[in-house]
């Protein structure tokens, strides 16, 4: 899904980043994948700057190369029923 697809559902422009950051922080604290990896920019098909800023904060030693793809794979492989 892209940011535009969910923006109005979450209160419009300016709020989506805050909501996604909060979801990511809560999931990260539980050892879960960053769910917002599934939300991408419509024109690029990749996450936006806010995603990468939070990645740098939560995973300071991780580079961008391959992280997003690996995080998407973690989401699909994660056992959400056991968490």
C-alpha atoms as a PDB file:
ATOM      1  CA  UNK A   1       0.000   0.000   0.000  1.00  0.00           C
ATOM      2  CA  UNK A   2       1.188   3.560  -0.439  1.00  0.00           C
ATOM      3  CA  UNK A   3       1.042   6.542   1.878  1.00  0.00           C
ATOM      4  CA  UNK A   4      -1.730   8.183  -0.141  1.00  0.00           C
ATOM      5  CA  UNK A   5      -3.950   5.108   0.162  1.00  0.00           C
ATOM      6  CA  UNK A   6      -4.014   5.325   3.945  1.00  0.00           C
ATOM      7  CA  UNK A   7      -3.426   9.033   4.569  1.00  0.00           C
ATOM      8  CA  UNK A   8      -7.081  10.051   4.823  1.00  0.00           C
ATOM      9  CA  UNK A   9      -7.897   7.073   7.047  1.00  0.00           C
ATOM     10  CA  UNK A  10      -5.318   8.285   9.567  1.00  0.00           C
ATOM     11  CA  UNK A  11      -6.238  11.956   9.658  1.00  0.00           C
ATOM     12  CA  UNK A  12      -4.611  13.358   6.533  1.00  0.00           C
ATOM     13  CA  UNK A  13      -1.176  14.633   5.665  1.00  0.00           C
ATOM     14  CA  UNK A  14       1.097  15.258   8.619  1.00  0.00           C
ATOM     15  CA  UNK A  15      -0.432  12.595  10.829  1.00  0.00           C
ATOM     16  CA  UNK A  16       0.525   9.457   8.973  1.00  0.00           C
ATOM     17  CA  UNK A  17       4.191   9.678   9.928  1.00  0.00           C
ATOM     18  CA  UNK A  18       3.358  10.033  13.602  1.00  0.00           C
ATOM     19  CA  UNK A  19       0.991   7.077  13.518  1.00  0.00           C
ATOM     20  CA  UNK A  20       3.426   4.836  11.640  1.00  0.00           C
ATOM     21  CA  UNK A  21       6.301   5.818  13.948  1.00  0.00           C
ATOM     22  CA  UNK A  22       4.229   4.952  17.012  1.00  0.00           C
ATOM     23  CA  UNK A  23       3.225   1.583  15.546  1.00  0.00           C
ATOM     24  CA  UNK A  24       6.861   0.842  14.712  1.00  0.00           C
ATOM     25  CA  UNK A  25       8.101   1.833  18.164  1.00  0.00           C
ATOM     26  CA  UNK A  26       5.545  -0.389  19.886  1.00  0.00           C
ATOM     27  CA  UNK A  27       6.249  -3.340  17.617  1.00  0.00           C
ATOM     28  CA  UNK A  28      10.023  -2.869  17.930  1.00  0.00           C
ATOM     29  CA  UNK A  29       9.732  -2.925  21.736  1.00  0.00           C
ATOM     30  CA  UNK A  30       8.100  -6.364  21.405  1.00  0.00           C
ATOM     31  CA  UNK A  31      10.797  -7.602  19.029  1.00  0.00           C
ATOM     32  CA  UNK A  32       8.418  -7.482  16.064  1.00  0.00           C
ATOM     33  CA  UNK A  33       9.172  -6.239  12.531  1.00  0.00           C
ATOM     34  CA  UNK A  34       8.555  -2.641  11.475  1.00  0.00           C
ATOM     35  CA  UNK A  35       5.082  -2.859   9.925  1.00  0.00           C
ATOM     36  CA  UNK A  36       5.422   0.427   8.075  1.00  0.00           C
ATOM     37  CA  UNK A  37       7.927  -1.248   5.771  1.00  0.00           C
ATOM     38  CA  UNK A  38       4.807  -2.254   3.831  1.00  0.00           C
ATOM     39  CA  UNK A  39       3.834   1.386   3.279  1.00  0.00           C
ATOM     40  CA  UNK A  40       5.643   2.964   0.338  1.00  0.00           C
ATOM     41  CA  UNK A  41       5.698   6.088  -1.771  1.00  0.00           C
ATOM     42  CA  UNK A  42       3.466   5.756  -4.819  1.00  0.00           C
ATOM     43  CA  UNK A  43       6.038   7.147  -7.248  1.00  0.00           C
ATOM     44  CA  UNK A  44       9.058   5.146  -6.034  1.00  0.00           C
ATOM     45  CA  UNK A  45       7.528   2.012  -4.520  1.00  0.00           C
ATOM     46  CA  UNK A  46       9.919   2.414  -1.581  1.00  0.00           C
ATOM     47  CA  UNK A  47       9.575   3.753   1.975  1.00  0.00           C
ATOM     48  CA  UNK A  48       9.878   7.469   2.641  1.00  0.00           C
ATOM     49  CA  UNK A  49      12.409   9.462   4.626  1.00  0.00           C
ATOM     50  CA  UNK A  50      10.479   9.048   7.877  1.00  0.00           C
ATOM     51  CA  UNK A  51      10.881   5.289   7.711  1.00  0.00           C
ATOM     52  CA  UNK A  52      14.628   5.624   7.198  1.00  0.00           C
ATOM     53  CA  UNK A  53      14.963   8.145  10.021  1.00  0.00           C
ATOM     54  CA  UNK A  54      13.336   5.717  12.412  1.00  0.00           C
ATOM     55  CA  UNK A  55      15.466   2.841  11.110  1.00  0.00           C
ATOM     56  CA  UNK A  56      18.563   4.935  11.874  1.00  0.00           C
ATOM     57  CA  UNK A  57      17.258   5.556  15.394  1.00  0.00           C
ATOM     58  CA  UNK A  58      16.142   1.997  16.210  1.00  0.00           C
ATOM     59  CA  UNK A  59      18.902   0.176  14.320  1.00  0.00           C
ATOM     60  CA  UNK A  60      21.881   2.563  14.314  1.00  0.00           C
ATOM     61  CA  UNK A  61      24.351   0.004  13.011  1.00  0.00           C
ATOM     62  CA  UNK A  62      22.185  -1.130  10.077  1.00  0.00           C
ATOM     63  CA  UNK A  63      22.633   0.336   6.626  1.00  0.00           C
ATOM     64  CA  UNK A  64      19.907   0.833   4.047  1.00  0.00           C
ATOM     65  CA  UNK A  65      21.241  -1.768   1.666  1.00  0.00           C
ATOM     66  CA  UNK A  66      18.867  -4.711   1.877  1.00  0.00           C
ATOM     67  CA  UNK A  67      17.237  -3.666   5.168  1.00  0.00           C
ATOM     68  CA  UNK A  68      13.845  -2.752   3.725  1.00  0.00           C
ATOM     69  CA  UNK A  69      13.571  -5.946   1.699  1.00  0.00           C
ATOM     70  CA  UNK A  70      14.635  -8.038   4.686  1.00  0.00           C
ATOM     71  CA  UNK A  71      12.148  -6.259   6.951  1.00  0.00           C
ATOM     72  CA  UNK A  72       9.306  -6.966   4.495  1.00  0.00           C
ATOM     73  CA  UNK A  73      10.303 -10.620   4.507  1.00  0.00           C
ATOM     74  CA  UNK A  74      10.343 -10.594   8.323  1.00  0.00           C
ATOM     75  CA  UNK A  75       6.789  -9.232   8.339  1.00  0.00           C
ATOM     76  CA  UNK A  76       5.448 -12.005   6.102  1.00  0.00           C
ATOM     77  CA  UNK A  77       7.401 -14.737   7.908  1.00  0.00           C
ATOM     78  CA  UNK A  78       6.626 -13.527  11.447  1.00  0.00           C
ATOM     79  CA  UNK A  79       4.285 -15.694  13.515  1.00  0.00           C
ATOM     80  CA  UNK A  80       1.775 -13.024  14.491  1.00  0.00           C
ATOM     81  CA  UNK A  81      -0.460 -15.575  16.244  1.00  0.00           C
ATOM     82  CA  UNK A  82       2.297 -16.466  18.710  1.00  0.00           C
ATOM     83  CA  UNK A  83       3.076 -12.873  19.675  1.00  0.00           C
END
